C-alpha atoms as a PDB file:
ATOM      1  CA  MET A   1     -18.660   1.697 -15.946  1.00  0.00           C
ATOM      2  CA  LEU A   2     -18.071   5.377 -16.225  1.00  0.00           C
ATOM      3  CA  ALA A   3     -21.723   6.027 -17.237  1.00  0.00           C
ATOM      4  CA  GLY A   4     -22.713   3.988 -14.131  1.00  0.00           C
ATOM      5  CA  VAL A   5     -20.716   6.213 -11.826  1.00  0.00           C
ATOM      6  CA  LEU A   6     -21.942   9.390 -13.383  1.00  0.00           C
ATOM      7  CA  ALA A   7     -25.548   8.164 -13.063  1.00  0.00           C
ATOM      8  CA  ALA A   8     -25.112   7.221  -9.507  1.00  0.00           C
ATOM      9  CA  GLY A   9     -23.711  10.656  -8.614  1.00  0.00           C
ATOM     10  CA  PRO A  10     -26.923  12.683  -8.570  1.00  0.00           C
ATOM     11  CA  ALA A  11     -28.681   9.758  -6.789  1.00  0.00           C
ATOM     12  CA  MET A  12     -26.097   9.852  -3.983  1.00  0.00           C
ATOM     13  CA  ALA A  13     -26.405  13.695  -3.780  1.00  0.00           C
ATOM     14  CA  GLN A  14     -30.294  13.361  -3.328  1.00  0.00           C
ATOM     15  CA  ASP A  15     -29.750  10.728  -0.596  1.00  0.00           C
ATOM     16  CA  TYR A  16     -27.563  12.942   1.435  1.00  0.00           C
ATOM     17  CA  TYR A  17     -28.854  14.625   4.640  1.00  0.00           C
ATOM     18  CA  PRO A  18     -27.050  16.289   7.534  1.00  0.00           C
ATOM     19  CA  ARG A  19     -26.939  14.064  10.499  1.00  0.00           C
ATOM     20  CA  HIS A  20     -25.871  16.483  13.331  1.00  0.00           C
ATOM     21  CA  ASN A  21     -28.296  19.539  13.676  1.00  0.00           C
ATOM     22  CA  PHE A  22     -27.695  22.386  16.154  1.00  0.00           C
ATOM     23  CA  THR A  23     -30.335  25.032  16.657  1.00  0.00           C
ATOM     24  CA  PHE A  24     -30.877  28.198  18.812  1.00  0.00           C
ATOM     25  CA  GLY A  25     -33.431  30.918  18.839  1.00  0.00           C
ATOM     26  CA  GLY A  26     -35.812  33.082  20.709  1.00  0.00           C
ATOM     27  CA  GLY A  27     -39.413  33.462  21.359  1.00  0.00           C
ATOM     28  CA  ALA A  28     -41.976  33.239  24.368  1.00  0.00           C
ATOM     29  CA  GLY A  29     -43.749  30.772  26.498  1.00  0.00           C
ATOM     30  CA  ARG A  30     -47.326  30.888  27.739  1.00  0.00           C
ATOM     31  CA  PRO A  31     -48.362  29.116  30.970  1.00  0.00           C
ATOM     32  CA  GLN A  32     -51.596  27.118  31.076  1.00  0.00           C
ATOM     33  CA  ALA A  33     -53.568  24.758  33.357  1.00  0.00           C
ATOM     34  CA  ASP A  34     -52.877  25.454  37.011  1.00  0.00           C
ATOM     35  CA  LEU A  35     -50.040  27.974  36.111  1.00  0.00           C
ATOM     36  CA  ARG A  36     -52.434  30.286  34.238  1.00  0.00           C
ATOM     37  CA  GLY A  37     -53.012  33.478  36.197  1.00  0.00           C
ATOM     38  CA  LEU A  38     -50.098  32.551  38.580  1.00  0.00           C
ATOM     39  CA  PHE A  39     -47.322  32.605  36.026  1.00  0.00           C
ATOM     40  CA  SER A  40     -47.254  35.146  33.051  1.00  0.00           C
ATOM     41  CA  ASP A  41     -46.185  34.890  29.441  1.00  0.00           C
ATOM     42  CA  SER A  42     -42.540  35.422  29.290  1.00  0.00           C
ATOM     43  CA  PRO A  43     -39.752  35.716  26.762  1.00  0.00           C
ATOM     44  CA  GLY A  44     -37.193  32.828  26.300  1.00  0.00           C
ATOM     45  CA  LEU A  45     -34.329  31.218  24.706  1.00  0.00           C
ATOM     46  CA  THR A  46     -34.177  27.707  23.118  1.00  0.00           C
ATOM     47  CA  PHE A  47     -31.231  25.424  22.239  1.00  0.00           C
ATOM     48  CA  GLY A  48     -31.301  22.048  20.736  1.00  0.00           C
ATOM     49  CA  TYR A  49     -29.274  19.196  19.150  1.00  0.00           C
ATOM     50  CA  GLY A  50     -30.681  16.419  16.892  1.00  0.00           C
ATOM     51  CA  TYR A  51     -29.168  13.408  15.594  1.00  0.00           C
ATOM     52  CA  ARG A  52     -30.804  12.512  12.350  1.00  0.00           C
ATOM     53  CA  PHE A  53     -30.150   8.641  12.073  1.00  0.00           C
ATOM     54  CA  HIS A  54     -32.587   8.353   9.085  1.00  0.00           C
ATOM     55  CA  PRO A  55     -33.684  10.665   6.438  1.00  0.00           C
ATOM     56  CA  ASN A  56     -37.131  10.700   8.049  1.00  0.00           C
ATOM     57  CA  PHE A  57     -36.266  10.300  11.834  1.00  0.00           C
ATOM     58  CA  GLN A  58     -34.246  12.403  14.409  1.00  0.00           C
ATOM     59  CA  ALA A  59     -33.364  11.990  18.058  1.00  0.00           C
ATOM     60  CA  ASP A  60     -33.629  15.160  20.030  1.00  0.00           C
ATOM     61  CA  VAL A  61     -32.396  16.953  23.244  1.00  0.00           C
ATOM     62  CA  GLY A  62     -32.795  20.569  24.154  1.00  0.00           C
ATOM     63  CA  LEU A  63     -33.152  23.183  26.649  1.00  0.00           C
ATOM     64  CA  ASP A  64     -35.959  26.041  26.686  1.00  0.00           C
ATOM     65  CA  VAL A  65     -35.168  28.848  29.165  1.00  0.00           C
ATOM     66  CA  LEU A  66     -37.993  31.401  30.218  1.00  0.00           C
ATOM     67  CA  PHE A  67     -37.308  34.574  32.006  1.00  0.00           C
ATOM     68  CA  GLY A  68     -39.348  35.867  34.859  1.00  0.00           C
ATOM     69  CA  ALA A  69     -42.681  33.886  34.385  1.00  0.00           C
ATOM     70  CA  ALA A  70     -43.136  33.867  38.080  1.00  0.00           C
ATOM     71  CA  ASP A  71     -42.818  37.689  38.298  1.00  0.00           C
ATOM     72  CA  ILE A  72     -40.329  37.578  41.261  1.00  0.00           C
ATOM     73  CA  ILE A  73     -39.525  41.004  42.762  1.00  0.00           C
ATOM     74  CA  ASP A  74     -37.499  40.485  45.806  1.00  0.00           C
ATOM     75  CA  TYR A  75     -34.147  41.062  47.225  1.00  0.00           C
ATOM     76  CA  PHE A  76     -31.536  39.315  49.493  1.00  0.00           C
ATOM     77  CA  ASP A  77     -29.272  41.271  51.854  1.00  0.00           C
ATOM     78  CA  ALA A  78     -25.773  39.777  51.323  1.00  0.00           C
ATOM     79  CA  GLY A  79     -24.114  41.965  53.964  1.00  0.00           C
ATOM     80  CA  PHE A  80     -22.673  44.402  51.379  1.00  0.00           C
ATOM     81  CA  GLY A  81     -25.900  45.505  49.810  1.00  0.00           C
ATOM     82  CA  PRO A  82     -29.198  43.910  48.454  1.00  0.00           C
ATOM     83  CA  LEU A  83     -28.881  41.731  45.502  1.00  0.00           C
ATOM     84  CA  ARG A  84     -31.862  41.177  43.145  1.00  0.00           C
ATOM     85  CA  ILE A  85     -33.578  37.738  43.214  1.00  0.00           C
ATOM     86  CA  ARG A  86     -35.020  36.599  39.800  1.00  0.00           C
ATOM     87  CA  ASP A  87     -36.646  33.521  38.504  1.00  0.00           C
ATOM     88  CA  ARG A  88     -36.084  31.190  35.548  1.00  0.00           C
ATOM     89  CA  GLU A  89     -38.001  28.438  34.164  1.00  0.00           C
ATOM     90  CA  PHE A  90     -36.042  25.650  32.612  1.00  0.00           C
ATOM     91  CA  LEU A  91     -37.626  22.874  30.356  1.00  0.00           C
ATOM     92  CA  LEU A  92     -35.409  20.027  29.169  1.00  0.00           C
ATOM     93  CA  PRO A  93     -37.120  18.018  26.466  1.00  0.00           C
ATOM     94  CA  PHE A  94     -35.671  14.703  25.174  1.00  0.00           C
ATOM     95  CA  GLY A  95     -37.263  12.638  22.540  1.00  0.00           C
ATOM     96  CA  GLY A  96     -37.477  12.397  18.857  1.00  0.00           C
ATOM     97  CA  ARG A  97     -39.426  13.427  15.619  1.00  0.00           C
ATOM     98  CA  ALA A  98     -40.470  12.231  12.203  1.00  0.00           C
ATOM     99  CA  ILE A  99     -39.317  14.445   9.287  1.00  0.00           C
ATOM    100  CA  LEU A 100     -40.896  15.009   5.840  1.00  0.00           C
ATOM    101  CA  PRO A 101     -38.236  16.496   3.443  1.00  0.00           C
ATOM    102  CA  PHE A 102     -39.425  18.587   0.435  1.00  0.00           C
ATOM    103  CA  PHE A 103     -37.519  20.277  -2.447  1.00  0.00           C
ATOM    104  CA  ARG A 104     -34.440  18.060  -2.369  1.00  0.00           C
ATOM    105  CA  GLY A 105     -34.370  17.998   1.349  1.00  0.00           C
ATOM    106  CA  ARG A 106     -34.105  21.808   1.679  1.00  0.00           C
ATOM    107  CA  PHE A 107     -37.457  22.276   3.232  1.00  0.00           C
ATOM    108  CA  LEU A 108     -38.501  20.137   6.246  1.00  0.00           C
ATOM    109  CA  LEU A 109     -41.763  19.551   8.059  1.00  0.00           C
ATOM    110  CA  SER A 110     -41.485  17.612  11.247  1.00  0.00           C
ATOM    111  CA  GLY A 111     -43.416  16.623  14.295  1.00  0.00           C
ATOM    112  CA  GLY A 112     -42.733  14.645  17.475  1.00  0.00           C
ATOM    113  CA  GLY A 113     -42.400  14.428  21.088  1.00  0.00           C
ATOM    114  CA  GLY A 114     -40.968  12.841  24.189  1.00  0.00           C
ATOM    115  CA  GLY A 115     -40.411  13.354  27.919  1.00  0.00           C
ATOM    116  CA  VAL A 116     -39.364  16.644  29.728  1.00  0.00           C
ATOM    117  CA  PHE A 117     -37.811  17.688  32.999  1.00  0.00           C
ATOM    118  CA  MET A 118     -39.054  21.040  34.488  1.00  0.00           C
ATOM    119  CA  ARG A 119     -37.388  23.241  36.937  1.00  0.00           C
ATOM    120  CA  TYR A 120     -38.521  26.641  38.075  1.00  0.00           C
ATOM    121  CA  ALA A 121     -35.914  28.303  40.386  1.00  0.00           C
ATOM    122  CA  GLU A 122     -35.102  31.599  41.863  1.00  0.00           C
ATOM    123  CA  SER A 123     -31.476  32.863  41.755  1.00  0.00           C
ATOM    124  CA  LEU A 124     -29.351  35.774  42.719  1.00  0.00           C
ATOM    125  CA  ARG A 125     -28.186  38.464  40.294  1.00  0.00           C
ATOM    126  CA  GLN A 126     -24.432  37.842  41.038  1.00  0.00           C
ATOM    127  CA  PRO A 127     -22.333  40.864  41.803  1.00  0.00           C
ATOM    128  CA  SER A 128     -19.306  39.469  39.778  1.00  0.00           C
ATOM    129  CA  ASP A 129     -18.497  36.600  37.513  1.00  0.00           C
ATOM    130  CA  TYR A 130     -15.433  36.051  39.845  1.00  0.00           C
ATOM    131  CA  PHE A 131     -17.407  36.294  43.038  1.00  0.00           C
ATOM    132  CA  ARG A 132     -20.422  34.134  43.718  1.00  0.00           C
ATOM    133  CA  VAL A 133     -23.023  34.431  46.563  1.00  0.00           C
ATOM    134  CA  ALA A 134     -25.232  31.683  47.778  1.00  0.00           C
ATOM    135  CA  CYS A 135     -28.872  32.324  48.030  1.00  0.00           C
ATOM    136  CA  PRO A 136     -30.391  30.495  51.216  1.00  0.00           C
ATOM    137  CA  VAL A 137     -33.733  31.944  50.759  1.00  0.00           C
ATOM    138  CA  CYS A 138     -34.238  30.998  47.021  1.00  0.00           C
ATOM    139  CA  ASN A 139     -37.035  28.681  46.250  1.00  0.00           C
ATOM    140  CA  ALA A 140     -37.329  25.989  43.561  1.00  0.00           C
ATOM    141  CA  ARG A 141     -39.942  23.490  41.982  1.00  0.00           C
ATOM    142  CA  ASN A 142     -39.271  20.453  39.877  1.00  0.00           C
ATOM    143  CA  GLY A 143     -41.284  18.072  37.938  1.00  0.00           C
ATOM    144  CA  TRP A 144     -41.552  15.640  34.937  1.00  0.00           C
ATOM    145  CA  GLY A 145     -43.892  15.521  31.932  1.00  0.00           C
ATOM    146  CA  TYR A 146     -43.947  15.147  28.249  1.00  0.00           C
ATOM    147  CA  TYR A 147     -44.060  17.328  25.152  1.00  0.00           C
ATOM    148  CA  ALA A 148     -45.113  17.581  21.547  1.00  0.00           C
ATOM    149  CA  LEU A 149     -43.649  19.745  18.768  1.00  0.00           C
ATOM    150  CA  VAL A 150     -44.275  20.765  15.264  1.00  0.00           C
ATOM    151  CA  ASN A 151     -41.490  22.372  13.144  1.00  0.00           C
ATOM    152  CA  THR A 152     -40.886  24.040   9.778  1.00  0.00           C
ATOM    153  CA  SER A 153     -37.349  24.755   8.644  1.00  0.00           C
ATOM    154  CA  LEU A 154     -35.654  25.856   5.468  1.00  0.00           C
ATOM    155  CA  PHE A 155     -32.035  25.291   4.548  1.00  0.00           C
ATOM    156  CA  LEU A 156     -30.579  28.408   3.019  1.00  0.00           C
ATOM    157  CA  ASP A 157     -27.709  26.870   1.119  1.00  0.00           C
ATOM    158  CA  ARG A 158     -27.583  23.846  -1.281  1.00  0.00           C
ATOM    159  CA  GLY A 159     -25.167  22.160   0.969  1.00  0.00           C
ATOM    160  CA  ARG A 160     -27.847  22.166   3.676  1.00  0.00           C
ATOM    161  CA  HIS A 161     -25.719  23.562   6.456  1.00  0.00           C
ATOM    162  CA  PHE A 162     -27.579  26.846   7.492  1.00  0.00           C
ATOM    163  CA  ARG A 163     -31.235  27.049   8.363  1.00  0.00           C
ATOM    164  CA  LEU A 164     -34.068  29.233   9.661  1.00  0.00           C
ATOM    165  CA  GLY A 165     -37.301  27.779  11.159  1.00  0.00           C
ATOM    166  CA  VAL A 166     -40.176  27.985  13.579  1.00  0.00           C
ATOM    167  CA  THR A 167     -41.010  25.593  16.291  1.00  0.00           C
ATOM    168  CA  SER A 168     -44.050  25.217  18.615  1.00  0.00           C
ATOM    169  CA  LYS A 169     -43.894  23.005  21.670  1.00  0.00           C
ATOM    170  CA  MET A 170     -46.700  21.933  23.998  1.00  0.00           C
ATOM    171  CA  TYR A 171     -45.489  20.858  27.365  1.00  0.00           C
ATOM    172  CA  ARG A 172     -47.655  18.854  29.919  1.00  0.00           C
ATOM    173  CA  GLY A 173     -46.599  17.599  33.378  1.00  0.00           C
ATOM    174  CA  HIS A 174     -46.765  18.251  37.176  1.00  0.00           C
ATOM    175  CA  SER A 175     -44.389  20.006  39.452  1.00  0.00           C
ATOM    176  CA  ASP A 176     -44.099  20.416  43.215  1.00  0.00           C
ATOM    177  CA  GLY A 177     -41.725  21.885  45.741  1.00  0.00           C
ATOM    178  CA  ASP A 178     -41.533  25.371  47.220  1.00  0.00           C
ATOM    179  CA  ALA A 179     -43.898  28.241  46.804  1.00  0.00           C
ATOM    180  CA  LEU A 180     -42.697  30.366  43.747  1.00  0.00           C
ATOM    181  CA  GLY A 181     -44.295  33.716  43.261  1.00  0.00           C
ATOM    182  CA  TRP A 182     -48.020  33.189  43.344  1.00  0.00           C
ATOM    183  CA  VAL A 183     -47.637  29.349  42.942  1.00  0.00           C
ATOM    184  CA  PRO A 184     -48.354  27.664  46.387  1.00  0.00           C
ATOM    185  CA  GLY A 185     -45.998  24.983  47.660  1.00  0.00           C
ATOM    186  CA  LEU A 186     -48.376  22.200  46.254  1.00  0.00           C
ATOM    187  CA  ARG A 187     -48.398  19.900  43.327  1.00  0.00           C
ATOM    188  CA  THR A 188     -49.698  21.562  40.199  1.00  0.00           C
ATOM    189  CA  ARG A 189     -50.753  20.513  36.706  1.00  0.00           C
ATOM    190  CA  ASP A 190     -48.260  22.481  34.488  1.00  0.00           C
ATOM    191  CA  ARG A 191     -48.816  23.287  30.600  1.00  0.00           C
ATOM    192  CA  TRP A 192     -46.581  25.466  28.558  1.00  0.00           C
ATOM    193  CA  LEU A 193     -47.093  26.644  24.972  1.00  0.00           C
ATOM    194  CA  ASN A 194     -43.880  27.777  23.678  1.00  0.00           C
ATOM    195  CA  LEU A 195     -43.346  29.296  20.231  1.00  0.00           C
ATOM    196  CA  PHE A 196     -39.688  30.071  18.975  1.00  0.00           C
ATOM    197  CA  GLY A 197     -38.029  31.369  15.899  1.00  0.00           C
ATOM    198  CA  GLU A 198     -34.767  29.320  15.373  1.00  0.00           C
ATOM    199  CA  ALA A 199     -31.490  29.413  13.359  1.00  0.00           C
ATOM    200  CA  GLY A 200     -29.466  26.330  12.918  1.00  0.00           C
ATOM    201  CA  PHE A 201     -26.161  24.719  11.565  1.00  0.00           C
ATOM    202  CA  SER A 202     -26.080  21.191  10.333  1.00  0.00           C
ATOM    203  CA  PHE A 203     -23.345  18.936   9.180  1.00  0.00           C
END
């Protein structure tokens, strides 16, 4: 019996995989299709959570935020001085991925996709964390679409808690709403190619 328990130990260790996976990172997004020439390449941040319910499958939800792709340079007079208007592009993907683990699960290759909600919005640079000013002149556009991703990541420790990786996402969809920067107030075909370096924690 003792021999059976000792033999099962390594097998159980090999079967272990972290179920909860949090990632964050930085990179850039490149607009394409109707947005090319109207939006510009811009830096961004990415945040994600994945629930790995099987060694080879994971459900994902996340947020990519791009900064200043519409090149908005404008100000709003709030009565006590001008406040800078800036733009942010928010991409909220939700879907899943298939995972191929290597080297006892420490190196992962994955690919997947799903749906995405897109929002491009102007906002005011607020004068204080304790005092907020509404922006009646700020414009916004919304839309839906889908995405595909590829990822490589490497766990840095044997317990598979800390990781570094690279993710590329291709977004496709449509948006409409207000004019924003050089984008007219019409329905547009939107494409984004985002590339991010990531760090993560899993358990």
